[in-house]
Amino acid sequence: MMMVATFKDPMPIGPRLTEKQAEVRDLIALGLTAKEIGERLGISHRTVEVHREEVYRKMGVKSAVEMVRKMFSPDGESNNG
């Protein structure tokens, strides 16, 4: 029997991200700029910035680094240090 690895939602508690917000979050985590994300998703860089602000608000973070740290920490916390 073949086993397939699955990843849990990095935000199981709290406000849920929309599909577009999750796409933007994932591309930010890859290091893309708002302009690059906009080109990839077919939206303006300003729309990307609005989605990014909403992702940060929902996740309770203030930067991409803090967001990624929170995404990949086992307890979902973005501890500084």
C-alpha atoms as a PDB file:
ATOM      1  CA  MET A   1       0.000   0.000   0.000  1.00  0.00           C
ATOM      2  CA  MET A   2       1.433   3.368  -1.029  1.00  0.00           C
ATOM      3  CA  MET A   3       1.423   6.097   1.615  1.00  0.00           C
ATOM      4  CA  VAL A   4       1.048   9.722   0.590  1.00  0.00           C
ATOM      5  CA  ALA A   5       2.374  12.453   2.850  1.00  0.00           C
ATOM      6  CA  THR A   6      -0.070  15.206   3.632  1.00  0.00           C
ATOM      7  CA  PHE A   7       0.637  18.522   5.274  1.00  0.00           C
ATOM      8  CA  LYS A   8      -1.718  19.984   7.803  1.00  0.00           C
ATOM      9  CA  ASP A   9      -3.124  23.431   7.222  1.00  0.00           C
ATOM     10  CA  PRO A  10      -0.577  25.847   8.727  1.00  0.00           C
ATOM     11  CA  MET A  11      -3.453  27.858  10.226  1.00  0.00           C
ATOM     12  CA  PRO A  12      -5.842  25.343  11.784  1.00  0.00           C
ATOM     13  CA  ILE A  13      -7.172  27.870  14.324  1.00  0.00           C
ATOM     14  CA  GLY A  14      -8.355  31.416  13.730  1.00  0.00           C
ATOM     15  CA  PRO A  15      -9.540  33.227  10.626  1.00  0.00           C
ATOM     16  CA  ARG A  16      -9.266  31.198   7.441  1.00  0.00           C
ATOM     17  CA  LEU A  17      -7.506  32.509   4.374  1.00  0.00           C
ATOM     18  CA  THR A  18      -9.311  32.729   1.065  1.00  0.00           C
ATOM     19  CA  GLU A  19      -7.899  30.677  -1.787  1.00  0.00           C
ATOM     20  CA  LYS A  20      -6.253  33.779  -3.282  1.00  0.00           C
ATOM     21  CA  GLN A  21      -4.795  34.827   0.078  1.00  0.00           C
ATOM     22  CA  ALA A  22      -3.327  31.334   0.510  1.00  0.00           C
ATOM     23  CA  GLU A  23      -1.785  31.529  -2.981  1.00  0.00           C
ATOM     24  CA  VAL A  24      -0.256  34.923  -2.180  1.00  0.00           C
ATOM     25  CA  ARG A  25       1.002  33.626   1.206  1.00  0.00           C
ATOM     26  CA  ASP A  26       2.692  30.655  -0.454  1.00  0.00           C
ATOM     27  CA  LEU A  27       4.354  32.813  -3.123  1.00  0.00           C
ATOM     28  CA  ILE A  28       5.557  35.310  -0.500  1.00  0.00           C
ATOM     29  CA  ALA A  29       7.052  32.354   1.380  1.00  0.00           C
ATOM     30  CA  LEU A  30       8.948  31.456  -1.806  1.00  0.00           C
ATOM     31  CA  GLY A  31      10.455  34.945  -1.802  1.00  0.00           C
ATOM     32  CA  LEU A  32       8.592  36.468  -4.739  1.00  0.00           C
ATOM     33  CA  THR A  33       7.948  40.206  -4.856  1.00  0.00           C
ATOM     34  CA  ALA A  34       4.465  41.704  -5.132  1.00  0.00           C
ATOM     35  CA  LYS A  35       5.155  42.450  -8.802  1.00  0.00           C
ATOM     36  CA  GLU A  36       6.261  38.865  -9.495  1.00  0.00           C
ATOM     37  CA  ILE A  37       3.270  37.444  -7.632  1.00  0.00           C
ATOM     38  CA  GLY A  38       0.933  39.746  -9.537  1.00  0.00           C
ATOM     39  CA  GLU A  39       2.378  38.648 -12.865  1.00  0.00           C
ATOM     40  CA  ARG A  40       2.100  34.989 -11.896  1.00  0.00           C
ATOM     41  CA  LEU A  41      -1.506  35.288 -10.676  1.00  0.00           C
ATOM     42  CA  GLY A  42      -2.699  37.807 -13.267  1.00  0.00           C
ATOM     43  CA  ILE A  43      -3.489  40.529 -10.731  1.00  0.00           C
ATOM     44  CA  SER A  44      -1.981  43.940 -10.011  1.00  0.00           C
ATOM     45  CA  HIS A  45       0.878  44.325  -7.547  1.00  0.00           C
ATOM     46  CA  ARG A  46      -1.399  46.568  -5.470  1.00  0.00           C
ATOM     47  CA  THR A  47      -3.984  43.767  -5.198  1.00  0.00           C
ATOM     48  CA  VAL A  48      -1.167  41.472  -4.063  1.00  0.00           C
ATOM     49  CA  GLU A  49      -0.243  44.040  -1.399  1.00  0.00           C
ATOM     50  CA  VAL A  50      -3.856  44.123  -0.162  1.00  0.00           C
ATOM     51  CA  HIS A  51      -3.939  40.305   0.028  1.00  0.00           C
ATOM     52  CA  ARG A  52      -0.572  40.313   1.828  1.00  0.00           C
ATOM     53  CA  GLU A  53      -1.833  42.823   4.415  1.00  0.00           C
ATOM     54  CA  GLU A  54      -4.905  40.663   5.033  1.00  0.00           C
ATOM     55  CA  VAL A  55      -2.791  37.492   5.359  1.00  0.00           C
ATOM     56  CA  TYR A  56      -0.528  39.216   7.889  1.00  0.00           C
ATOM     57  CA  ARG A  57      -3.550  40.464   9.843  1.00  0.00           C
ATOM     58  CA  LYS A  58      -5.225  37.050   9.917  1.00  0.00           C
ATOM     59  CA  MET A  59      -1.997  35.312  10.902  1.00  0.00           C
ATOM     60  CA  GLY A  60      -1.107  37.952  13.495  1.00  0.00           C
ATOM     61  CA  VAL A  61       2.289  38.771  11.969  1.00  0.00           C
ATOM     62  CA  LYS A  62       4.029  41.893  10.701  1.00  0.00           C
ATOM     63  CA  SER A  63       6.558  40.554   8.173  1.00  0.00           C
ATOM     64  CA  ALA A  64       7.199  37.806   5.648  1.00  0.00           C
ATOM     65  CA  VAL A  65       9.911  36.346   7.879  1.00  0.00           C
ATOM     66  CA  GLU A  66       7.528  36.175  10.832  1.00  0.00           C
ATOM     67  CA  MET A  67       4.840  34.673   8.582  1.00  0.00           C
ATOM     68  CA  VAL A  68       7.124  31.903   7.326  1.00  0.00           C
ATOM     69  CA  ARG A  69       8.369  31.210  10.839  1.00  0.00           C
ATOM     70  CA  LYS A  70       4.765  30.829  11.988  1.00  0.00           C
ATOM     71  CA  MET A  71       3.839  28.668   8.986  1.00  0.00           C
ATOM     72  CA  PHE A  72       6.544  26.143   9.755  1.00  0.00           C
ATOM     73  CA  SER A  73       6.688  26.141  13.542  1.00  0.00           C
ATOM     74  CA  PRO A  74       5.140  23.043  15.120  1.00  0.00           C
ATOM     75  CA  ASP A  75       2.867  25.070  17.407  1.00  0.00           C
ATOM     76  CA  GLY A  76       2.022  27.815  14.916  1.00  0.00           C
ATOM     77  CA  GLU A  77       3.797  30.445  16.986  1.00  0.00           C
ATOM     78  CA  SER A  78       6.268  32.982  15.593  1.00  0.00           C
ATOM     79  CA  ASN A  79       8.668  33.190  18.501  1.00  0.00           C
ATOM     80  CA  ASN A  80      11.385  35.777  18.068  1.00  0.00           C
ATOM     81  CA  GLY A  81      14.673  34.283  19.095  1.00  0.00           C
END
